[in-house]
Amino acid sequence: MIEVTSLSKQFGGVNAVDDISFSVEPGQVLGFLGPNGAGKSTTMRLITGFYRPSAGEVRVLGKDVHRQRRQVQQHLGYLPEGAPAYGDMRVDHYLDFIARARGLSRAERKNRLRAVSEQLELDAVLKQPVDTLSKGFKRRVGIAQTLVHDPSVLVLDEPTDGLDPNQKQHVRELLRNLAADKTVILSTHILEEVEAVCHRALIIAGGRVRADSTPGELVRQSRYCGAVTLELPNTHEAAAALRSLPETAGIEFSVDNPNRFTLLPTPGAPLFVAVQAKLAGKGWAPQAMSVESGRLDDVFRRITSNDAVEVSL
């Protein structure tokens, strides 16, 4: 559905996007992650034809975005950063305007306006001017305008920005459902969103791809993958004994609970088994014990640090 090949964009002497390549398959949700200024929004604007690349190309549905831009944009739904809209227009008038601009007939506009209003739960605000809405409702109107012409490809820049937890959950469920017959690229700084919604995560920093993998595979790269957290009354004695295990690479103490600490595993070592054996040998019974699958934020910080190397699985 989307092919990005050796894509670069320069502003003056700055490489905002530097030789990026990736593809997105039909029905896939690709999460774009990166620190501020990484090149996420610029890449999205290149994919949608808003910017012309300095080098490389983007193909959507087999068509070159910059040579066949109008044909490509008929199949694209784009939510820019900030979800700009005409603030003095009523919500229903604004969505109808977008539908007319997309070439929909009167009957099609009526049906699609009803559909997106139900999907985004906008019925209560359809008669209000956009400027009178809360930030959350403005965001939902922005998402609605990307869907009004029923595109096959969605490019969404921070789609849940400004939404409350319930609204975020609703939009995440919507995105999961849309993936059944659409291809979705979304940028976000909310790591839990990537784990909840995305089939793949692409991490960029300094305008370059640093990792391209599934959220699960990225989490397994975390130094917390297989980490064991315990809560014991004899914390210092137990921590010293468990820290000495060859399967333990490090230890972190809780700042909230003086009896809780986390053991970090030596890569590939069966830390949990070793901890269980040591506890049994000492006759210690932990008040609580858990094993972590890993932490995406830990991987993100490592990959986007200045000395990061590219990772592709």
C-alpha atoms as a PDB file:
ATOM      1  CA  MET A   1       0.000   0.000   0.000  1.00  0.00           C
ATOM      2  CA  ILE A   2       2.802   2.426   0.864  1.00  0.00           C
ATOM      3  CA  GLU A   3       6.413   2.279  -0.312  1.00  0.00           C
ATOM      4  CA  VAL A   4       8.958   4.845   0.861  1.00  0.00           C
ATOM      5  CA  THR A   5      12.319   4.601  -0.875  1.00  0.00           C
ATOM      6  CA  SER A   6      15.482   6.552   0.033  1.00  0.00           C
ATOM      7  CA  LEU A   7      13.380   9.518   1.114  1.00  0.00           C
ATOM      8  CA  SER A   8      15.146  12.720   2.154  1.00  0.00           C
ATOM      9  CA  LYS A   9      14.045  16.278   2.867  1.00  0.00           C
ATOM     10  CA  GLN A  10      16.319  19.219   3.517  1.00  0.00           C
ATOM     11  CA  PHE A  11      15.436  22.629   4.898  1.00  0.00           C
ATOM     12  CA  GLY A  12      18.386  24.893   4.242  1.00  0.00           C
ATOM     13  CA  GLY A  13      21.357  22.804   5.282  1.00  0.00           C
ATOM     14  CA  VAL A  14      19.407  20.654   7.744  1.00  0.00           C
ATOM     15  CA  ASN A  15      18.441  17.049   6.934  1.00  0.00           C
ATOM     16  CA  ALA A  16      14.969  16.794   8.472  1.00  0.00           C
ATOM     17  CA  VAL A  17      14.529  13.369   6.840  1.00  0.00           C
ATOM     18  CA  ASP A  18      17.673  11.487   5.885  1.00  0.00           C
ATOM     19  CA  ASP A  19      17.443   8.520   3.484  1.00  0.00           C
ATOM     20  CA  ILE A  20      14.402   6.780   5.019  1.00  0.00           C
ATOM     21  CA  SER A  21      13.019   3.584   3.458  1.00  0.00           C
ATOM     22  CA  PHE A  22      10.119   1.412   4.614  1.00  0.00           C
ATOM     23  CA  SER A  23       6.888  -0.130   3.353  1.00  0.00           C
ATOM     24  CA  VAL A  24       3.456  -0.662   4.867  1.00  0.00           C
ATOM     25  CA  GLU A  25       1.256  -3.618   3.958  1.00  0.00           C
ATOM     26  CA  PRO A  26      -2.555  -3.570   3.539  1.00  0.00           C
ATOM     27  CA  GLY A  27      -4.411  -3.798   6.855  1.00  0.00           C
ATOM     28  CA  GLN A  28      -1.349  -2.811   8.864  1.00  0.00           C
ATOM     29  CA  VAL A  29      -1.128  -0.108  11.532  1.00  0.00           C
ATOM     30  CA  LEU A  30       2.371   1.392  11.591  1.00  0.00           C
ATOM     31  CA  GLY A  31       3.340   3.470  14.623  1.00  0.00           C
ATOM     32  CA  PHE A  32       5.809   6.302  14.071  1.00  0.00           C
ATOM     33  CA  LEU A  33       7.862   6.999  17.183  1.00  0.00           C
ATOM     34  CA  GLY A  34      10.595   9.507  17.818  1.00  0.00           C
ATOM     35  CA  PRO A  35      11.638  12.437  19.991  1.00  0.00           C
ATOM     36  CA  ASN A  36      10.609  15.985  19.134  1.00  0.00           C
ATOM     37  CA  GLY A  37      12.305  17.098  15.930  1.00  0.00           C
ATOM     38  CA  ALA A  38      13.005  13.519  14.818  1.00  0.00           C
ATOM     39  CA  GLY A  39      11.324  13.997  11.422  1.00  0.00           C
ATOM     40  CA  LYS A  40       7.988  12.257  12.045  1.00  0.00           C
ATOM     41  CA  SER A  41       5.699  15.062  10.882  1.00  0.00           C
ATOM     42  CA  THR A  42       7.956  15.896   7.941  1.00  0.00           C
ATOM     43  CA  THR A  43       7.853  12.284   6.770  1.00  0.00           C
ATOM     44  CA  MET A  44       4.061  12.281   7.005  1.00  0.00           C
ATOM     45  CA  ARG A  45       3.842  15.462   4.962  1.00  0.00           C
ATOM     46  CA  LEU A  46       6.066  13.865   2.334  1.00  0.00           C
ATOM     47  CA  ILE A  47       3.866  10.755   2.224  1.00  0.00           C
ATOM     48  CA  THR A  48       0.717  12.843   1.742  1.00  0.00           C
ATOM     49  CA  GLY A  49       2.250  15.073  -0.927  1.00  0.00           C
ATOM     50  CA  PHE A  50       2.215  18.212   1.210  1.00  0.00           C
ATOM     51  CA  TYR A  51       6.016  18.456   0.830  1.00  0.00           C
ATOM     52  CA  ARG A  52       8.119  17.587  -2.195  1.00  0.00           C
ATOM     53  CA  PRO A  53      11.140  15.422  -1.309  1.00  0.00           C
ATOM     54  CA  SER A  54      14.720  16.531  -1.807  1.00  0.00           C
ATOM     55  CA  ALA A  55      15.485  12.938  -2.875  1.00  0.00           C
ATOM     56  CA  GLY A  56      13.768   9.571  -3.049  1.00  0.00           C
ATOM     57  CA  GLU A  57      10.140   8.730  -3.727  1.00  0.00           C
ATOM     58  CA  VAL A  58       6.871   7.717  -2.095  1.00  0.00           C
ATOM     59  CA  ARG A  59       4.368   5.376  -3.733  1.00  0.00           C
ATOM     60  CA  VAL A  60       0.845   4.854  -2.454  1.00  0.00           C
ATOM     61  CA  LEU A  61      -1.268   2.175  -4.139  1.00  0.00           C
ATOM     62  CA  GLY A  62       1.518   1.902  -6.693  1.00  0.00           C
ATOM     63  CA  LYS A  63       1.301   5.571  -7.705  1.00  0.00           C
ATOM     64  CA  ASP A  64       4.044   8.150  -7.254  1.00  0.00           C
ATOM     65  CA  VAL A  65       2.771  10.711  -4.743  1.00  0.00           C
ATOM     66  CA  HIS A  66       4.441  13.677  -6.410  1.00  0.00           C
ATOM     67  CA  ARG A  67       3.776  12.803 -10.048  1.00  0.00           C
ATOM     68  CA  GLN A  68       0.216  11.588  -9.452  1.00  0.00           C
ATOM     69  CA  ARG A  69      -0.616  13.566  -6.337  1.00  0.00           C
ATOM     70  CA  ARG A  70      -4.320  14.178  -6.979  1.00  0.00           C
ATOM     71  CA  GLN A  71      -4.976  10.519  -7.797  1.00  0.00           C
ATOM     72  CA  VAL A  72      -3.144   9.444  -4.646  1.00  0.00           C
ATOM     73  CA  GLN A  73      -4.853  11.978  -2.392  1.00  0.00           C
ATOM     74  CA  GLN A  74      -8.281  10.682  -3.410  1.00  0.00           C
ATOM     75  CA  HIS A  75      -7.414   7.553  -1.424  1.00  0.00           C
ATOM     76  CA  LEU A  76      -5.716   9.297   1.512  1.00  0.00           C
ATOM     77  CA  GLY A  77      -7.123  10.569   4.780  1.00  0.00           C
ATOM     78  CA  TYR A  78      -4.716  12.949   6.532  1.00  0.00           C
ATOM     79  CA  LEU A  79      -4.867  14.349  10.051  1.00  0.00           C
ATOM     80  CA  PRO A  80      -2.151  17.020  10.351  1.00  0.00           C
ATOM     81  CA  GLU A  81      -0.483  18.004  13.586  1.00  0.00           C
ATOM     82  CA  GLY A  82      -2.876  20.183  15.586  1.00  0.00           C
ATOM     83  CA  ALA A  83      -5.957  19.099  13.547  1.00  0.00           C
ATOM     84  CA  PRO A  84      -6.554  22.510  11.892  1.00  0.00           C
ATOM     85  CA  ALA A  85     -10.141  23.312  10.898  1.00  0.00           C
ATOM     86  CA  TYR A  86     -12.370  26.286  10.047  1.00  0.00           C
ATOM     87  CA  GLY A  87     -13.308  27.399  13.538  1.00  0.00           C
ATOM     88  CA  ASP A  88     -16.303  29.550  12.585  1.00  0.00           C
ATOM     89  CA  MET A  89     -18.050  26.691  10.762  1.00  0.00           C
ATOM     90  CA  ARG A  90     -20.503  24.372  12.441  1.00  0.00           C
ATOM     91  CA  VAL A  91     -19.209  20.815  12.764  1.00  0.00           C
ATOM     92  CA  ASP A  92     -21.805  19.386  10.358  1.00  0.00           C
ATOM     93  CA  HIS A  93     -21.164  22.174   7.832  1.00  0.00           C
ATOM     94  CA  TYR A  94     -17.406  21.662   8.086  1.00  0.00           C
ATOM     95  CA  LEU A  95     -17.635  17.902   7.510  1.00  0.00           C
ATOM     96  CA  ASP A  96     -20.054  18.457   4.642  1.00  0.00           C
ATOM     97  CA  PHE A  97     -17.621  20.990   3.146  1.00  0.00           C
ATOM     98  CA  ILE A  98     -14.794  18.444   3.335  1.00  0.00           C
ATOM     99  CA  ALA A  99     -17.017  15.799   1.730  1.00  0.00           C
ATOM    100  CA  ARG A 100     -17.934  18.177  -1.109  1.00  0.00           C
ATOM    101  CA  ALA A 101     -14.264  19.017  -1.620  1.00  0.00           C
ATOM    102  CA  ARG A 102     -13.662  15.273  -1.867  1.00  0.00           C
ATOM    103  CA  GLY A 103     -16.249  15.040  -4.665  1.00  0.00           C
ATOM    104  CA  LEU A 104     -18.982  13.129  -2.833  1.00  0.00           C
ATOM    105  CA  SER A 105     -22.576  13.414  -4.054  1.00  0.00           C
ATOM    106  CA  ARG A 106     -25.327  14.785  -1.804  1.00  0.00           C
ATOM    107  CA  ALA A 107     -26.526  11.272  -0.914  1.00  0.00           C
ATOM    108  CA  GLU A 108     -22.977  10.085  -0.261  1.00  0.00           C
ATOM    109  CA  ARG A 109     -22.272  13.117   1.901  1.00  0.00           C
ATOM    110  CA  LYS A 110     -25.383  12.472   4.011  1.00  0.00           C
ATOM    111  CA  ASN A 111     -24.499   8.815   4.523  1.00  0.00           C
ATOM    112  CA  ARG A 112     -20.840   9.446   5.303  1.00  0.00           C
ATOM    113  CA  LEU A 113     -21.597  12.319   7.694  1.00  0.00           C
ATOM    114  CA  ARG A 114     -23.963  10.049   9.609  1.00  0.00           C
ATOM    115  CA  ALA A 115     -21.372   7.259   9.659  1.00  0.00           C
ATOM    116  CA  VAL A 116     -18.423   9.312  10.906  1.00  0.00           C
ATOM    117  CA  SER A 117     -20.595  11.126  13.465  1.00  0.00           C
ATOM    118  CA  GLU A 118     -21.536   7.766  14.948  1.00  0.00           C
ATOM    119  CA  GLN A 119     -17.955   6.448  14.797  1.00  0.00           C
ATOM    120  CA  LEU A 120     -16.528   9.500  16.586  1.00  0.00           C
ATOM    121  CA  GLU A 121     -19.597  10.172  18.790  1.00  0.00           C
ATOM    122  CA  LEU A 122     -20.094  13.693  17.444  1.00  0.00           C
ATOM    123  CA  ASP A 123     -23.902  13.867  17.351  1.00  0.00           C
ATOM    124  CA  ALA A 124     -24.080  16.130  20.416  1.00  0.00           C
ATOM    125  CA  VAL A 125     -21.840  18.807  18.852  1.00  0.00           C
ATOM    126  CA  LEU A 126     -22.797  18.729  15.164  1.00  0.00           C
ATOM    127  CA  LYS A 127     -24.607  22.091  15.385  1.00  0.00           C
ATOM    128  CA  GLN A 128     -21.812  23.865  17.295  1.00  0.00           C
ATOM    129  CA  PRO A 129     -19.047  25.998  15.736  1.00  0.00           C
ATOM    130  CA  VAL A 130     -15.716  24.177  15.791  1.00  0.00           C
ATOM    131  CA  ASP A 131     -14.077  26.943  17.839  1.00  0.00           C
ATOM    132  CA  THR A 132     -16.518  26.392  20.726  1.00  0.00           C
ATOM    133  CA  LEU A 133     -15.501  22.753  21.157  1.00  0.00           C
ATOM    134  CA  SER A 134     -13.139  21.325  23.734  1.00  0.00           C
ATOM    135  CA  LYS A 135      -9.702  20.242  22.549  1.00  0.00           C
ATOM    136  CA  GLY A 136     -10.827  16.623  22.678  1.00  0.00           C
ATOM    137  CA  PHE A 137     -13.871  17.209  20.482  1.00  0.00           C
ATOM    138  CA  LYS A 138     -11.808  19.267  18.034  1.00  0.00           C
ATOM    139  CA  ARG A 139      -9.468  16.298  17.735  1.00  0.00           C
ATOM    140  CA  ARG A 140     -12.387  13.980  17.066  1.00  0.00           C
ATOM    141  CA  VAL A 141     -13.690  16.335  14.367  1.00  0.00           C
ATOM    142  CA  GLY A 142     -10.211  16.244  12.832  1.00  0.00           C
ATOM    143  CA  ILE A 143     -10.282  12.445  12.751  1.00  0.00           C
ATOM    144  CA  ALA A 144     -13.807  12.543  11.286  1.00  0.00           C
ATOM    145  CA  GLN A 145     -12.672  14.675   8.345  1.00  0.00           C
ATOM    146  CA  THR A 146      -9.982  12.100   7.513  1.00  0.00           C
ATOM    147  CA  LEU A 147     -12.676   9.398   7.296  1.00  0.00           C
ATOM    148  CA  VAL A 148     -15.483  11.264   5.562  1.00  0.00           C
ATOM    149  CA  HIS A 149     -14.553  10.023   2.044  1.00  0.00           C
ATOM    150  CA  ASP A 150     -13.827   6.471   3.305  1.00  0.00           C
ATOM    151  CA  PRO A 151     -10.137   6.400   2.238  1.00  0.00           C
ATOM    152  CA  SER A 152      -8.058   3.226   2.021  1.00  0.00           C
ATOM    153  CA  VAL A 153      -4.983   4.858   3.594  1.00  0.00           C
ATOM    154  CA  LEU A 154      -4.936   6.963   6.781  1.00  0.00           C
ATOM    155  CA  VAL A 155      -2.025   9.157   7.856  1.00  0.00           C
ATOM    156  CA  LEU A 156      -2.636  10.440  11.379  1.00  0.00           C
ATOM    157  CA  ASP A 157      -0.337  12.807  13.271  1.00  0.00           C
ATOM    158  CA  GLU A 158      -0.941  12.391  17.032  1.00  0.00           C
ATOM    159  CA  PRO A 159      -4.587  11.249  16.635  1.00  0.00           C
ATOM    160  CA  THR A 160      -5.320  10.997  20.372  1.00  0.00           C
ATOM    161  CA  ASP A 161      -3.637  14.235  21.422  1.00  0.00           C
ATOM    162  CA  GLY A 162      -5.914  16.114  23.830  1.00  0.00           C
ATOM    163  CA  LEU A 163      -8.343  13.251  24.410  1.00  0.00           C
ATOM    164  CA  ASP A 164      -9.291  12.051  27.865  1.00  0.00           C
ATOM    165  CA  PRO A 165      -8.587   8.383  28.779  1.00  0.00           C
ATOM    166  CA  ASN A 166     -12.054   7.197  27.742  1.00  0.00           C
ATOM    167  CA  GLN A 167     -11.850   9.026  24.418  1.00  0.00           C
ATOM    168  CA  LYS A 168      -8.358   7.632  23.785  1.00  0.00           C
ATOM    169  CA  GLN A 169      -9.629   4.117  24.351  1.00  0.00           C
ATOM    170  CA  HIS A 170     -12.522   4.738  21.956  1.00  0.00           C
ATOM    171  CA  VAL A 171     -10.209   6.041  19.219  1.00  0.00           C
ATOM    172  CA  ARG A 172      -7.811   3.110  19.715  1.00  0.00           C
ATOM    173  CA  GLU A 173     -10.683   0.663  19.274  1.00  0.00           C
ATOM    174  CA  LEU A 174     -11.744   2.602  16.169  1.00  0.00           C
ATOM    175  CA  LEU A 175      -8.239   2.366  14.703  1.00  0.00           C
ATOM    176  CA  ARG A 176      -8.081  -1.365  15.376  1.00  0.00           C
ATOM    177  CA  ASN A 177     -11.407  -1.812  13.590  1.00  0.00           C
ATOM    178  CA  LEU A 178     -10.392   0.419  10.679  1.00  0.00           C
ATOM    179  CA  ALA A 179      -7.280  -1.695  10.122  1.00  0.00           C
ATOM    180  CA  ALA A 180      -9.510  -4.497   8.857  1.00  0.00           C
ATOM    181  CA  ASP A 181      -9.797  -2.737   5.491  1.00  0.00           C
ATOM    182  CA  LYS A 182      -7.438   0.240   5.698  1.00  0.00           C
ATOM    183  CA  THR A 183      -3.737   0.902   6.037  1.00  0.00           C
ATOM    184  CA  VAL A 184      -2.863   3.281   8.871  1.00  0.00           C
ATOM    185  CA  ILE A 185       0.263   5.267   9.717  1.00  0.00           C
ATOM    186  CA  LEU A 186       0.103   7.152  12.981  1.00  0.00           C
ATOM    187  CA  SER A 187       2.674   9.170  14.851  1.00  0.00           C
ATOM    188  CA  THR A 188       2.494   9.329  18.605  1.00  0.00           C
ATOM    189  CA  HIS A 189       4.589  10.093  21.657  1.00  0.00           C
ATOM    190  CA  ILE A 190       2.392   7.805  23.784  1.00  0.00           C
ATOM    191  CA  LEU A 191       4.247   4.506  23.969  1.00  0.00           C
ATOM    192  CA  GLU A 192       1.291   2.570  25.377  1.00  0.00           C
ATOM    193  CA  GLU A 193      -0.621   3.551  22.243  1.00  0.00           C
ATOM    194  CA  VAL A 194       1.913   1.758  20.065  1.00  0.00           C
ATOM    195  CA  GLU A 195       1.601  -1.407  22.136  1.00  0.00           C
ATOM    196  CA  ALA A 196      -2.208  -1.174  22.139  1.00  0.00           C
ATOM    197  CA  VAL A 197      -2.836  -0.418  18.460  1.00  0.00           C
ATOM    198  CA  CYS A 198       0.166  -0.923  16.185  1.00  0.00           C
ATOM    199  CA  HIS A 199       1.302  -4.018  14.326  1.00  0.00           C
ATOM    200  CA  ARG A 200       4.705  -2.418  13.708  1.00  0.00           C
ATOM    201  CA  ALA A 201       6.712   0.369  15.272  1.00  0.00           C
ATOM    202  CA  LEU A 202       9.189   2.490  13.352  1.00  0.00           C
ATOM    203  CA  ILE A 203      11.462   4.589  15.557  1.00  0.00           C
ATOM    204  CA  ILE A 204      13.265   7.535  14.005  1.00  0.00           C
ATOM    205  CA  ALA A 205      15.753  10.003  15.439  1.00  0.00           C
ATOM    206  CA  GLY A 206      17.802  12.638  13.682  1.00  0.00           C
ATOM    207  CA  GLY A 207      15.781  12.046  10.524  1.00  0.00           C
ATOM    208  CA  ARG A 208      16.878   8.402  10.216  1.00  0.00           C
ATOM    209  CA  VAL A 209      15.265   5.049  10.911  1.00  0.00           C
ATOM    210  CA  ARG A 210      16.685   3.590  14.129  1.00  0.00           C
ATOM    211  CA  ALA A 211      14.384   0.591  14.535  1.00  0.00           C
ATOM    212  CA  ASP A 212      11.699  -1.147  12.505  1.00  0.00           C
ATOM    213  CA  SER A 213      10.020  -4.027  14.307  1.00  0.00           C
ATOM    214  CA  THR A 214       6.893  -5.204  16.083  1.00  0.00           C
ATOM    215  CA  PRO A 215       6.167  -3.692  19.512  1.00  0.00           C
ATOM    216  CA  GLY A 216       6.608  -7.137  21.065  1.00  0.00           C
ATOM    217  CA  GLU A 217      10.038  -7.630  19.514  1.00  0.00           C
ATOM    218  CA  LEU A 218      11.123  -4.177  20.647  1.00  0.00           C
ATOM    219  CA  VAL A 219       9.950  -4.841  24.198  1.00  0.00           C
ATOM    220  CA  ARG A 220      12.016  -8.029  24.262  1.00  0.00           C
ATOM    221  CA  GLN A 221      15.130  -5.897  23.646  1.00  0.00           C
ATOM    222  CA  SER A 222      14.528  -4.099  26.934  1.00  0.00           C
ATOM    223  CA  ARG A 223      16.951  -4.661  29.780  1.00  0.00           C
ATOM    224  CA  TYR A 224      13.806  -5.280  31.864  1.00  0.00           C
ATOM    225  CA  CYS A 225      12.781  -8.285  29.756  1.00  0.00           C
ATOM    226  CA  GLY A 226      12.777 -11.114  32.303  1.00  0.00           C
ATOM    227  CA  ALA A 227      13.416  -8.751  35.234  1.00  0.00           C
ATOM    228  CA  VAL A 228      12.120  -9.983  38.590  1.00  0.00           C
ATOM    229  CA  THR A 229      10.506  -7.625  41.109  1.00  0.00           C
ATOM    230  CA  LEU A 230      10.214  -8.812  44.703  1.00  0.00           C
ATOM    231  CA  GLU A 231       8.806  -7.489  47.928  1.00  0.00           C
ATOM    232  CA  LEU A 232      10.546  -8.896  51.018  1.00  0.00           C
ATOM    233  CA  PRO A 233      10.679  -7.686  54.639  1.00  0.00           C
ATOM    234  CA  ASN A 234      14.408  -8.519  54.936  1.00  0.00           C
ATOM    235  CA  THR A 235      15.171  -6.396  51.900  1.00  0.00           C
ATOM    236  CA  HIS A 236      18.881  -5.654  52.325  1.00  0.00           C
ATOM    237  CA  GLU A 237      19.937  -9.217  53.160  1.00  0.00           C
ATOM    238  CA  ALA A 238      17.814 -10.660  50.345  1.00  0.00           C
ATOM    239  CA  ALA A 239      18.931  -8.038  47.841  1.00  0.00           C
ATOM    240  CA  ALA A 240      22.594  -8.719  48.590  1.00  0.00           C
ATOM    241  CA  ALA A 241      22.126 -12.483  48.187  1.00  0.00           C
ATOM    242  CA  LEU A 242      20.143 -12.201  44.965  1.00  0.00           C
ATOM    243  CA  ARG A 243      22.440  -9.509  43.556  1.00  0.00           C
ATOM    244  CA  SER A 244      25.331 -11.984  43.773  1.00  0.00           C
ATOM    245  CA  LEU A 245      23.630 -14.463  41.424  1.00  0.00           C
ATOM    246  CA  PRO A 246      25.448 -14.751  38.055  1.00  0.00           C
ATOM    247  CA  GLU A 247      22.038 -14.412  36.371  1.00  0.00           C
ATOM    248  CA  THR A 248      21.624 -10.921  37.899  1.00  0.00           C
ATOM    249  CA  ALA A 249      23.027  -8.014  35.893  1.00  0.00           C
ATOM    250  CA  GLY A 250      21.848  -5.220  38.183  1.00  0.00           C
ATOM    251  CA  ILE A 251      19.417  -4.153  40.869  1.00  0.00           C
ATOM    252  CA  GLU A 252      17.045  -1.211  41.308  1.00  0.00           C
ATOM    253  CA  PHE A 253      15.341  -0.272  44.576  1.00  0.00           C
ATOM    254  CA  SER A 254      11.832   1.165  44.712  1.00  0.00           C
ATOM    255  CA  VAL A 255      11.519   4.783  45.829  1.00  0.00           C
ATOM    256  CA  ASP A 256       7.941   4.181  46.992  1.00  0.00           C
ATOM    257  CA  ASN A 257       8.321   0.940  48.929  1.00  0.00           C
ATOM    258  CA  PRO A 258      11.478   0.205  50.993  1.00  0.00           C
ATOM    259  CA  ASN A 259      10.767  -3.536  50.789  1.00  0.00           C
ATOM    260  CA  ARG A 260      10.567  -3.713  46.997  1.00  0.00           C
ATOM    261  CA  PHE A 261      13.426  -4.066  44.507  1.00  0.00           C
ATOM    262  CA  THR A 262      13.903  -5.218  40.907  1.00  0.00           C
ATOM    263  CA  LEU A 263      16.606  -7.573  39.661  1.00  0.00           C
ATOM    264  CA  LEU A 264      17.745  -7.022  36.071  1.00  0.00           C
ATOM    265  CA  PRO A 265      18.695 -10.191  34.158  1.00  0.00           C
ATOM    266  CA  THR A 266      21.967 -11.056  32.486  1.00  0.00           C
ATOM    267  CA  PRO A 267      20.978 -11.348  28.780  1.00  0.00           C
ATOM    268  CA  GLY A 268      19.653 -14.819  28.048  1.00  0.00           C
ATOM    269  CA  ALA A 269      19.943 -16.021  31.659  1.00  0.00           C
ATOM    270  CA  PRO A 270      17.002 -17.738  33.449  1.00  0.00           C
ATOM    271  CA  LEU A 271      16.857 -15.202  36.278  1.00  0.00           C
ATOM    272  CA  PHE A 272      13.429 -16.183  37.593  1.00  0.00           C
ATOM    273  CA  VAL A 273      14.469 -19.831  38.030  1.00  0.00           C
ATOM    274  CA  ALA A 274      17.669 -18.795  39.823  1.00  0.00           C
ATOM    275  CA  VAL A 275      15.754 -16.413  42.117  1.00  0.00           C
ATOM    276  CA  GLN A 276      13.222 -19.096  43.006  1.00  0.00           C
ATOM    277  CA  ALA A 277      16.014 -21.538  43.892  1.00  0.00           C
ATOM    278  CA  LYS A 278      17.818 -18.984  46.073  1.00  0.00           C
ATOM    279  CA  LEU A 279      14.597 -18.026  47.879  1.00  0.00           C
ATOM    280  CA  ALA A 280      13.785 -21.686  48.556  1.00  0.00           C
ATOM    281  CA  GLY A 281      17.313 -22.349  49.820  1.00  0.00           C
ATOM    282  CA  LYS A 282      17.115 -19.428  52.246  1.00  0.00           C
ATOM    283  CA  GLY A 283      13.560 -20.162  53.301  1.00  0.00           C
ATOM    284  CA  TRP A 284      12.416 -16.693  52.265  1.00  0.00           C
ATOM    285  CA  ALA A 285       8.797 -16.166  51.225  1.00  0.00           C
ATOM    286  CA  PRO A 286       8.302 -12.942  49.250  1.00  0.00           C
ATOM    287  CA  GLN A 287       5.193 -10.908  49.920  1.00  0.00           C
ATOM    288  CA  ALA A 288       4.984 -10.321  46.175  1.00  0.00           C
ATOM    289  CA  MET A 289       6.969 -11.391  43.122  1.00  0.00           C
ATOM    290  CA  SER A 290       6.491 -10.703  39.393  1.00  0.00           C
ATOM    291  CA  VAL A 291       8.370 -11.109  36.119  1.00  0.00           C
ATOM    292  CA  GLU A 292       8.404  -8.333  33.517  1.00  0.00           C
ATOM    293  CA  SER A 293       8.029  -8.781  29.768  1.00  0.00           C
ATOM    294  CA  GLY A 294      10.030  -5.583  29.168  1.00  0.00           C
ATOM    295  CA  ARG A 295       9.489  -1.843  28.852  1.00  0.00           C
ATOM    296  CA  LEU A 296       9.070  -0.037  25.553  1.00  0.00           C
ATOM    297  CA  ASP A 297      10.120   3.296  27.081  1.00  0.00           C
ATOM    298  CA  ASP A 298      13.464   1.759  28.057  1.00  0.00           C
ATOM    299  CA  VAL A 299      14.072   0.593  24.473  1.00  0.00           C
ATOM    300  CA  PHE A 300      12.929   3.936  23.070  1.00  0.00           C
ATOM    301  CA  ARG A 301      15.397   5.893  25.221  1.00  0.00           C
ATOM    302  CA  ARG A 302      18.263   3.599  24.293  1.00  0.00           C
ATOM    303  CA  ILE A 303      17.534   3.647  20.563  1.00  0.00           C
ATOM    304  CA  THR A 304      17.064   7.414  20.362  1.00  0.00           C
ATOM    305  CA  SER A 305      20.109   8.325  22.454  1.00  0.00           C
ATOM    306  CA  ASN A 306      23.066  10.002  20.762  1.00  0.00           C
ATOM    307  CA  ASP A 307      25.126   6.821  20.618  1.00  0.00           C
ATOM    308  CA  ALA A 308      22.265   4.633  19.350  1.00  0.00           C
ATOM    309  CA  VAL A 309      22.742   2.164  16.530  1.00  0.00           C
ATOM    310  CA  GLU A 310      20.121   1.143  13.984  1.00  0.00           C
ATOM    311  CA  VAL A 311      18.055  -1.936  14.825  1.00  0.00           C
ATOM    312  CA  SER A 312      16.002  -3.931  12.324  1.00  0.00           C
ATOM    313  CA  LEU A 313      14.347  -7.268  13.125  1.00  0.00           C
END
